[in-house]
Amino acid sequence: MFALLSVTYVLLAVLFGGYSTYLLATLIPEDVLEQASRNGRFAGLYDSPMEHATPATADATASGSAL
């Protein structure tokens, strides 16, 4: 009985989190989402939009040791 209640509570928590995410995604205005995507995680902390970081290049050569 305890296992069934535990599974039920876990499923309810997952469903609540998913539904909350859906509501946030549908209720936030599109222009706010656009500005947040341009400014990054800390939107509004800077006077102007930050420059995007350049991606690092990957070295495709093997070093000889996996340790």
N, C-alpha and C. Protein backbone atom coordinates (compact mmCIF):
# COMPACT_ATOMS: atom_id res chain seq x y z
N MET A 1 0.83 -1.20 0.00
CA MET A 1 0.00 0.00 0.00
C MET A 1 0.87 1.26 0.00
N PHE A 2 1.96 1.21 0.80
CA PHE A 2 2.86 2.36 0.86
C PHE A 2 3.51 2.62 -0.49
N ALA A 3 3.87 1.55 -1.21
CA ALA A 3 4.50 1.70 -2.52
C ALA A 3 3.54 2.35 -3.51
N LEU A 4 2.28 1.96 -3.46
CA LEU A 4 1.28 2.55 -4.35
C LEU A 4 1.10 4.04 -4.07
N LEU A 5 1.06 4.41 -2.79
CA LEU A 5 0.94 5.82 -2.45
C LEU A 5 2.19 6.60 -2.87
N SER A 6 3.35 6.00 -2.71
CA SER A 6 4.59 6.67 -3.11
C SER A 6 4.62 6.91 -4.61
N VAL A 7 4.24 5.91 -5.38
CA VAL A 7 4.21 6.06 -6.84
C VAL A 7 3.18 7.11 -7.23
N THR A 8 2.05 7.12 -6.56
CA THR A 8 1.01 8.10 -6.86
C THR A 8 1.51 9.52 -6.58
N TYR A 9 2.19 9.72 -5.46
CA TYR A 9 2.71 11.05 -5.13
C TYR A 9 3.78 11.49 -6.13
N VAL A 10 4.62 10.56 -6.55
CA VAL A 10 5.65 10.90 -7.53
C VAL A 10 5.01 11.28 -8.86
N LEU A 11 4.03 10.52 -9.30
CA LEU A 11 3.34 10.84 -10.55
C LEU A 11 2.62 12.19 -10.47
N LEU A 12 2.00 12.46 -9.34
CA LEU A 12 1.33 13.76 -9.17
C LEU A 12 2.34 14.91 -9.21
N ALA A 13 3.52 14.71 -8.61
CA ALA A 13 4.53 15.76 -8.62
C ALA A 13 5.03 16.00 -10.04
N VAL A 14 5.24 14.93 -10.81
CA VAL A 14 5.70 15.07 -12.20
C VAL A 14 4.63 15.76 -13.04
N LEU A 15 3.38 15.36 -12.88
CA LEU A 15 2.30 15.98 -13.63
C LEU A 15 2.14 17.46 -13.26
N PHE A 16 2.26 17.78 -11.99
CA PHE A 16 2.15 19.17 -11.55
C PHE A 16 3.28 20.01 -12.15
N GLY A 17 4.49 19.48 -12.17
CA GLY A 17 5.62 20.20 -12.74
C GLY A 17 5.46 20.40 -14.24
N GLY A 18 5.00 19.38 -14.93
CA GLY A 18 4.79 19.50 -16.37
C GLY A 18 3.69 20.49 -16.70
N TYR A 19 2.61 20.45 -15.94
CA TYR A 19 1.51 21.37 -16.19
C TYR A 19 1.91 22.81 -15.86
N SER A 20 2.69 22.99 -14.80
CA SER A 20 3.18 24.33 -14.45
C SER A 20 4.06 24.88 -15.56
N THR A 21 4.93 24.05 -16.12
CA THR A 21 5.78 24.48 -17.22
C THR A 21 4.94 24.86 -18.43
N TYR A 22 3.93 24.06 -18.73
CA TYR A 22 3.03 24.37 -19.85
C TYR A 22 2.32 25.70 -19.63
N LEU A 23 1.81 25.93 -18.43
CA LEU A 23 1.12 27.19 -18.16
C LEU A 23 2.05 28.38 -18.29
N LEU A 24 3.28 28.26 -17.77
CA LEU A 24 4.23 29.36 -17.91
C LEU A 24 4.55 29.63 -19.37
N ALA A 25 4.71 28.57 -20.15
CA ALA A 25 5.05 28.75 -21.57
C ALA A 25 3.91 29.37 -22.35
N THR A 26 2.69 29.12 -21.96
CA THR A 26 1.55 29.66 -22.71
C THR A 26 1.09 31.02 -22.19
N LEU A 27 1.35 31.35 -20.93
CA LEU A 27 0.85 32.59 -20.36
C LEU A 27 1.82 33.77 -20.48
N ILE A 28 3.11 33.49 -20.62
CA ILE A 28 4.08 34.58 -20.74
C ILE A 28 3.98 35.16 -22.15
N PRO A 29 3.87 36.48 -22.27
CA PRO A 29 3.74 37.10 -23.60
C PRO A 29 4.96 36.82 -24.48
N GLU A 30 4.73 36.78 -25.78
CA GLU A 30 5.78 36.45 -26.74
C GLU A 30 6.92 37.46 -26.73
N ASP A 31 6.62 38.75 -26.56
CA ASP A 31 7.69 39.74 -26.56
C ASP A 31 8.60 39.60 -25.34
N VAL A 32 8.06 39.17 -24.22
CA VAL A 32 8.88 38.93 -23.04
C VAL A 32 9.81 37.74 -23.27
N LEU A 33 9.30 36.69 -23.90
CA LEU A 33 10.14 35.53 -24.22
C LEU A 33 11.23 35.90 -25.21
N GLU A 34 10.91 36.75 -26.16
CA GLU A 34 11.91 37.18 -27.15
C GLU A 34 13.02 37.97 -26.49
N GLN A 35 12.66 38.90 -25.61
CA GLN A 35 13.68 39.69 -24.92
C GLN A 35 14.53 38.80 -24.02
N ALA A 36 13.92 37.86 -23.34
CA ALA A 36 14.67 36.95 -22.47
C ALA A 36 15.63 36.09 -23.28
N SER A 37 15.23 35.69 -24.47
CA SER A 37 16.13 34.86 -25.28
C SER A 37 17.31 35.67 -25.80
N ARG A 38 17.12 36.97 -26.01
CA ARG A 38 18.23 37.81 -26.45
C ARG A 38 19.18 38.16 -25.31
N ASN A 39 18.65 38.39 -24.13
CA ASN A 39 19.48 38.83 -23.01
C ASN A 39 20.12 37.67 -22.25
N GLY A 40 19.60 36.50 -22.37
CA GLY A 40 20.16 35.37 -21.64
C GLY A 40 19.47 35.15 -20.32
N ARG A 41 20.15 34.43 -19.46
CA ARG A 41 19.55 34.00 -18.20
C ARG A 41 19.23 35.16 -17.27
N PHE A 42 20.12 36.12 -17.17
CA PHE A 42 19.92 37.22 -16.25
C PHE A 42 19.38 38.43 -17.00
N ALA A 43 18.20 38.31 -17.52
CA ALA A 43 17.60 39.36 -18.34
C ALA A 43 17.35 40.59 -17.48
N GLY A 44 17.73 41.74 -18.02
CA GLY A 44 17.46 42.99 -17.36
C GLY A 44 18.52 43.46 -16.38
N LEU A 45 19.62 42.74 -16.22
CA LEU A 45 20.66 43.15 -15.30
C LEU A 45 21.66 44.09 -15.95
N TYR A 46 21.65 44.19 -17.27
CA TYR A 46 22.59 45.02 -17.99
C TYR A 46 21.84 46.07 -18.78
N ASP A 47 22.52 47.18 -19.10
CA ASP A 47 21.88 48.25 -19.85
C ASP A 47 21.64 47.87 -21.30
N SER A 48 22.53 47.06 -21.86
CA SER A 48 22.38 46.64 -23.25
C SER A 48 22.56 45.14 -23.34
N PRO A 49 22.08 44.53 -24.41
CA PRO A 49 22.23 43.08 -24.55
C PRO A 49 23.70 42.68 -24.58
N MET A 50 24.00 41.57 -23.94
CA MET A 50 25.37 41.05 -23.90
C MET A 50 25.71 40.40 -25.23
N GLU A 51 26.99 40.40 -25.57
CA GLU A 51 27.45 39.70 -26.76
C GLU A 51 27.45 38.21 -26.48
N HIS A 52 27.15 37.43 -27.49
CA HIS A 52 27.14 35.98 -27.32
C HIS A 52 28.57 35.46 -27.26
N ALA A 53 28.79 34.46 -26.46
CA ALA A 53 30.11 33.85 -26.36
C ALA A 53 30.39 33.02 -27.59
N THR A 54 31.63 32.99 -27.99
CA THR A 54 31.99 32.17 -29.14
C THR A 54 32.23 30.75 -28.68
N PRO A 55 31.81 29.76 -29.45
CA PRO A 55 31.99 28.37 -29.02
C PRO A 55 33.47 27.97 -29.10
N ALA A 56 33.87 27.12 -28.18
CA ALA A 56 35.24 26.63 -28.17
C ALA A 56 35.40 25.55 -29.24
N THR A 57 36.58 25.49 -29.80
CA THR A 57 36.83 24.45 -30.79
C THR A 57 37.23 23.17 -30.11
N ALA A 58 36.81 22.06 -30.66
CA ALA A 58 37.12 20.75 -30.09
C ALA A 58 38.36 20.19 -30.77
N ASP A 59 39.23 19.57 -29.97
CA ASP A 59 40.44 18.94 -30.48
C ASP A 59 40.10 17.48 -30.77
N ALA A 60 40.18 17.07 -32.03
CA ALA A 60 39.75 15.74 -32.43
C ALA A 60 40.86 14.70 -32.34
N THR A 61 42.04 15.08 -31.87
CA THR A 61 43.13 14.11 -31.79
C THR A 61 43.08 13.38 -30.47
N ALA A 62 43.47 12.10 -30.49
CA ALA A 62 43.49 11.31 -29.27
C ALA A 62 44.78 11.57 -28.50
N SER A 63 44.66 11.60 -27.19
CA SER A 63 45.83 11.91 -26.36
C SER A 63 46.62 10.67 -26.00
N GLY A 64 46.12 9.46 -26.26
CA GLY A 64 46.84 8.23 -25.98
C GLY A 64 46.45 7.59 -24.67
N SER A 65 45.85 8.31 -23.74
CA SER A 65 45.49 7.74 -22.47
C SER A 65 44.08 8.20 -22.11
N ALA A 66 43.29 7.26 -21.63
CA ALA A 66 41.92 7.59 -21.25
C ALA A 66 41.86 8.04 -19.79
N LEU A 67 42.95 7.90 -19.07
CA LEU A 67 42.96 8.30 -17.67
C LEU A 67 43.39 9.69 -17.60
